[in-house]
């Protein structure tokens, strides 16, 4: 799928602030029922993983997403990593 077509498809499906992050692929932000998340490894089939922040921590997510270089976990009060391996934030 062509890059612009993929991004348009993802935006139609609720993803925003799409950008490439080295080592994590195409990333974006998406609101879920109970959380807002940094989502990485996006393609037309889904995603590799996501870092879930409580809705009330959307400003923390925005800062974390802005500076995240894809190495290690993003900063801030995310509560859960969902993906092949699920784990809670060790700093909370």
N, C-alpha and C. Protein backbone atom coordinates (compact mmCIF):
# COMPACT_ATOMS: atom_id res chain seq x y z
N UNK A 1 0.86 -1.18 0.00
CA UNK A 1 0.00 0.00 0.00
C UNK A 1 0.89 1.23 0.00
N UNK A 2 0.61 2.15 -0.89
CA UNK A 2 1.39 3.38 -0.99
C UNK A 2 1.29 4.17 0.31
N UNK A 3 2.38 4.86 0.69
CA UNK A 3 2.47 5.56 1.97
C UNK A 3 1.33 6.54 2.20
N UNK A 4 1.02 7.40 1.22
CA UNK A 4 -0.06 8.37 1.39
C UNK A 4 -1.41 7.69 1.50
N UNK A 5 -1.61 6.61 0.77
CA UNK A 5 -2.87 5.87 0.83
C UNK A 5 -3.01 5.21 2.20
N UNK A 6 -1.92 4.63 2.71
CA UNK A 6 -1.94 4.02 4.04
C UNK A 6 -2.25 5.06 5.10
N UNK A 7 -1.60 6.20 5.05
CA UNK A 7 -1.84 7.24 6.04
C UNK A 7 -3.29 7.73 5.99
N UNK A 8 -3.84 7.90 4.80
CA UNK A 8 -5.24 8.31 4.67
C UNK A 8 -6.16 7.25 5.27
N UNK A 9 -5.86 5.98 4.99
CA UNK A 9 -6.65 4.87 5.54
C UNK A 9 -6.62 4.89 7.08
N UNK A 10 -5.42 5.06 7.64
CA UNK A 10 -5.27 5.07 9.09
C UNK A 10 -5.99 6.26 9.72
N UNK A 11 -5.89 7.43 9.09
CA UNK A 11 -6.59 8.61 9.60
C UNK A 11 -8.10 8.40 9.58
N UNK A 12 -8.61 7.76 8.54
CA UNK A 12 -10.04 7.45 8.47
C UNK A 12 -10.46 6.50 9.58
N UNK A 13 -9.49 5.75 10.12
CA UNK A 13 -9.78 4.78 11.17
C UNK A 13 -9.34 5.25 12.55
N UNK A 14 -9.20 6.56 12.72
CA UNK A 14 -9.02 7.13 14.04
C UNK A 14 -7.60 7.40 14.49
N UNK A 15 -6.61 7.16 13.64
CA UNK A 15 -5.22 7.44 14.01
C UNK A 15 -4.87 8.85 13.57
N UNK A 16 -4.07 9.54 14.37
CA UNK A 16 -3.65 10.89 14.01
C UNK A 16 -2.21 11.13 14.44
N UNK A 17 -1.64 12.25 14.04
CA UNK A 17 -0.23 12.59 14.29
C UNK A 17 0.69 11.47 13.80
N UNK A 18 0.43 10.97 12.61
CA UNK A 18 1.23 9.87 12.06
C UNK A 18 2.64 10.33 11.72
N UNK A 19 3.62 9.50 12.08
CA UNK A 19 5.01 9.79 11.74
C UNK A 19 5.83 8.51 11.83
N UNK A 20 6.95 8.50 11.13
CA UNK A 20 7.90 7.39 11.19
C UNK A 20 8.83 7.61 12.38
N UNK A 21 9.05 6.56 13.16
CA UNK A 21 10.02 6.59 14.24
C UNK A 21 10.98 5.43 13.99
N UNK A 22 12.28 5.73 13.89
CA UNK A 22 13.25 4.67 13.60
C UNK A 22 13.12 3.48 14.57
N UNK A 23 13.09 2.30 14.00
CA UNK A 23 12.99 1.09 14.79
C UNK A 23 11.58 0.73 15.21
N UNK A 24 10.62 1.64 15.02
CA UNK A 24 9.23 1.39 15.42
C UNK A 24 8.27 1.47 14.25
N UNK A 25 8.76 1.94 13.10
CA UNK A 25 7.91 2.03 11.92
C UNK A 25 6.96 3.21 11.98
N UNK A 26 5.85 3.06 11.29
CA UNK A 26 4.84 4.12 11.26
C UNK A 26 4.11 4.13 12.60
N UNK A 27 4.05 5.30 13.22
CA UNK A 27 3.45 5.46 14.55
C UNK A 27 2.36 6.51 14.50
N UNK A 28 1.49 6.46 15.48
CA UNK A 28 0.42 7.43 15.58
C UNK A 28 -0.18 7.42 16.97
N UNK A 29 -1.18 8.25 17.14
CA UNK A 29 -1.93 8.34 18.39
C UNK A 29 -3.36 7.95 18.08
N UNK A 30 -3.98 7.22 19.01
CA UNK A 30 -5.38 6.83 18.81
C UNK A 30 -6.06 6.78 20.17
N UNK A 31 -7.31 7.22 20.18
CA UNK A 31 -8.12 7.15 21.38
C UNK A 31 -8.86 5.82 21.39
N UNK A 32 -8.78 5.13 22.51
CA UNK A 32 -9.51 3.89 22.72
C UNK A 32 -10.57 4.15 23.79
N UNK A 33 -11.38 3.16 24.09
CA UNK A 33 -12.48 3.36 25.03
C UNK A 33 -12.01 3.84 26.40
N UNK A 34 -10.98 3.22 26.94
CA UNK A 34 -10.53 3.55 28.29
C UNK A 34 -9.19 4.28 28.34
N UNK A 35 -8.51 4.37 27.22
CA UNK A 35 -7.18 4.98 27.20
C UNK A 35 -6.97 5.76 25.90
N UNK A 36 -5.85 6.47 25.88
CA UNK A 36 -5.33 7.07 24.66
C UNK A 36 -3.93 6.47 24.51
N UNK A 37 -3.50 6.18 23.29
CA UNK A 37 -2.27 5.41 23.15
C UNK A 37 -1.36 5.92 22.05
N UNK A 38 -0.06 5.72 22.30
CA UNK A 38 0.96 5.81 21.26
C UNK A 38 0.99 4.43 20.62
N UNK A 39 0.72 4.36 19.34
CA UNK A 39 0.62 3.09 18.63
C UNK A 39 1.78 3.03 17.62
N UNK A 40 2.45 1.88 17.56
CA UNK A 40 3.60 1.77 16.66
C UNK A 40 3.49 0.53 15.78
N UNK A 41 4.27 0.55 14.69
CA UNK A 41 4.27 -0.57 13.76
C UNK A 41 2.97 -0.66 12.98
N UNK A 42 2.40 0.49 12.64
CA UNK A 42 1.12 0.53 11.94
C UNK A 42 1.24 0.07 10.49
N UNK A 43 0.26 -0.70 10.06
CA UNK A 43 0.10 -1.02 8.64
C UNK A 43 -1.39 -1.27 8.40
N UNK A 44 -1.75 -1.70 7.21
CA UNK A 44 -3.18 -1.86 6.90
C UNK A 44 -3.82 -3.00 7.69
N UNK A 45 -3.02 -3.89 8.27
CA UNK A 45 -3.54 -5.02 9.04
C UNK A 45 -3.73 -4.68 10.52
N UNK A 46 -3.08 -3.64 11.00
CA UNK A 46 -3.17 -3.31 12.43
C UNK A 46 -1.90 -2.65 12.92
N UNK A 47 -1.41 -3.11 14.08
CA UNK A 47 -0.21 -2.53 14.67
C UNK A 47 0.56 -3.58 15.46
N UNK A 48 1.81 -3.26 15.76
CA UNK A 48 2.66 -4.16 16.53
C UNK A 48 2.39 -4.01 18.02
N UNK A 49 2.28 -2.76 18.50
CA UNK A 49 2.06 -2.54 19.92
C UNK A 49 1.57 -1.14 20.20
N UNK A 50 1.23 -0.93 21.48
CA UNK A 50 0.78 0.39 21.88
C UNK A 50 1.09 0.63 23.35
N UNK A 51 1.32 1.89 23.68
CA UNK A 51 1.53 2.32 25.05
C UNK A 51 0.29 3.10 25.47
N UNK A 52 -0.41 2.60 26.46
CA UNK A 52 -1.70 3.15 26.87
C UNK A 52 -1.56 4.12 28.04
N UNK A 53 -2.09 5.32 27.86
CA UNK A 53 -2.12 6.35 28.89
C UNK A 53 -3.58 6.59 29.27
N UNK A 54 -3.85 6.90 30.54
CA UNK A 54 -5.22 7.30 30.89
C UNK A 54 -5.60 8.57 30.13
N UNK A 55 -6.87 8.72 29.81
CA UNK A 55 -7.33 9.91 29.07
C UNK A 55 -6.89 11.21 29.75
N UNK A 56 -6.89 11.22 31.08
CA UNK A 56 -6.52 12.46 31.78
C UNK A 56 -5.04 12.79 31.64
N UNK A 57 -4.25 11.89 31.09
CA UNK A 57 -2.82 12.14 30.89
C UNK A 57 -2.48 12.40 29.42
N UNK A 58 -3.43 12.94 28.67
CA UNK A 58 -3.21 13.20 27.24
C UNK A 58 -2.05 14.17 27.02
N UNK A 59 -1.86 15.15 27.90
CA UNK A 59 -0.74 16.09 27.74
C UNK A 59 0.59 15.37 27.94
N UNK A 60 0.64 14.43 28.87
CA UNK A 60 1.86 13.65 29.08
C UNK A 60 2.16 12.79 27.85
N UNK A 61 1.12 12.21 27.26
CA UNK A 61 1.29 11.42 26.05
C UNK A 61 1.82 12.29 24.93
N UNK A 62 1.28 13.49 24.78
CA UNK A 62 1.71 14.38 23.70
C UNK A 62 3.19 14.70 23.81
N UNK A 63 3.66 14.98 25.02
CA UNK A 63 5.08 15.27 25.22
C UNK A 63 5.92 14.02 24.94
N UNK A 64 5.49 12.88 25.47
CA UNK A 64 6.22 11.64 25.26
C UNK A 64 6.34 11.31 23.78
N UNK A 65 5.24 11.46 23.05
CA UNK A 65 5.24 11.15 21.61
C UNK A 65 6.12 12.12 20.83
N UNK A 66 6.14 13.35 21.24
CA UNK A 66 6.95 14.37 20.58
C UNK A 66 8.44 14.04 20.67
N UNK A 67 8.89 13.55 21.82
CA UNK A 67 10.33 13.34 22.02
C UNK A 67 10.75 11.87 21.91
N UNK A 68 9.83 10.95 21.78
CA UNK A 68 10.19 9.53 21.74
C UNK A 68 11.02 9.22 20.51
N UNK A 69 12.17 8.60 20.73
CA UNK A 69 13.06 8.23 19.63
C UNK A 69 12.93 6.76 19.24
N UNK A 70 12.02 6.05 19.87
CA UNK A 70 11.80 4.64 19.55
C UNK A 70 12.69 3.68 20.31
N UNK A 71 13.66 4.23 21.03
CA UNK A 71 14.54 3.40 21.85
C UNK A 71 13.91 3.30 23.23
N UNK A 72 13.81 2.11 23.76
CA UNK A 72 13.17 1.88 25.05
C UNK A 72 11.70 2.31 24.99
N UNK A 73 11.10 2.42 26.15
CA UNK A 73 9.70 2.82 26.25
C UNK A 73 9.61 4.34 26.28
N UNK A 74 8.47 4.92 25.88
CA UNK A 74 8.33 6.37 26.00
C UNK A 74 8.26 6.78 27.47
N UNK A 75 8.50 8.06 27.71
CA UNK A 75 8.45 8.59 29.07
C UNK A 75 7.00 8.75 29.50
N UNK A 76 6.83 9.06 30.77
CA UNK A 76 5.52 9.44 31.27
C UNK A 76 4.72 8.33 31.91
N UNK A 77 3.52 8.68 32.33
CA UNK A 77 2.70 7.77 33.13
C UNK A 77 1.82 6.81 32.31
N UNK A 78 2.41 6.20 31.26
CA UNK A 78 1.63 5.17 30.57
C UNK A 78 1.42 4.03 31.55
N UNK A 79 0.32 3.33 31.40
CA UNK A 79 -0.01 2.30 32.38
C UNK A 79 0.22 0.88 31.88
N UNK A 80 0.11 0.69 30.57
CA UNK A 80 0.20 -0.67 30.03
C UNK A 80 0.75 -0.65 28.62
N UNK A 81 1.62 -1.60 28.33
CA UNK A 81 2.06 -1.85 26.96
C UNK A 81 1.27 -3.05 26.48
N UNK A 82 0.62 -2.90 25.34
CA UNK A 82 -0.15 -3.99 24.72
C UNK A 82 0.54 -4.36 23.42
N UNK A 83 0.64 -5.64 23.18
CA UNK A 83 1.27 -6.15 21.98
C UNK A 83 1.62 -7.61 22.19
N UNK A 84 2.60 -8.10 21.46
CA UNK A 84 3.01 -9.50 21.61
C UNK A 84 3.39 -9.79 23.07
N UNK A 85 4.10 -8.83 23.68
CA UNK A 85 4.43 -8.94 25.09
C UNK A 85 3.72 -7.80 25.79
N UNK A 86 2.90 -8.13 26.79
CA UNK A 86 2.17 -7.11 27.55
C UNK A 86 2.83 -6.93 28.91
N UNK A 87 2.96 -5.67 29.31
CA UNK A 87 3.54 -5.39 30.63
C UNK A 87 3.08 -4.03 31.10
N UNK A 88 3.17 -3.83 32.43
CA UNK A 88 2.81 -2.56 33.03
C UNK A 88 4.05 -1.68 33.10
N UNK A 89 3.82 -0.38 33.24
CA UNK A 89 4.92 0.58 33.35
C UNK A 89 5.68 0.31 34.65
N UNK A 90 6.96 -0.02 34.57
CA UNK A 90 7.73 -0.30 35.78
C UNK A 90 7.97 0.94 36.64
N UNK A 91 7.71 2.12 36.08
CA UNK A 91 7.94 3.38 36.83
C UNK A 91 6.69 3.87 37.54
N UNK A 92 5.59 3.15 37.43
CA UNK A 92 4.34 3.57 38.12
C UNK A 92 4.15 2.76 39.38
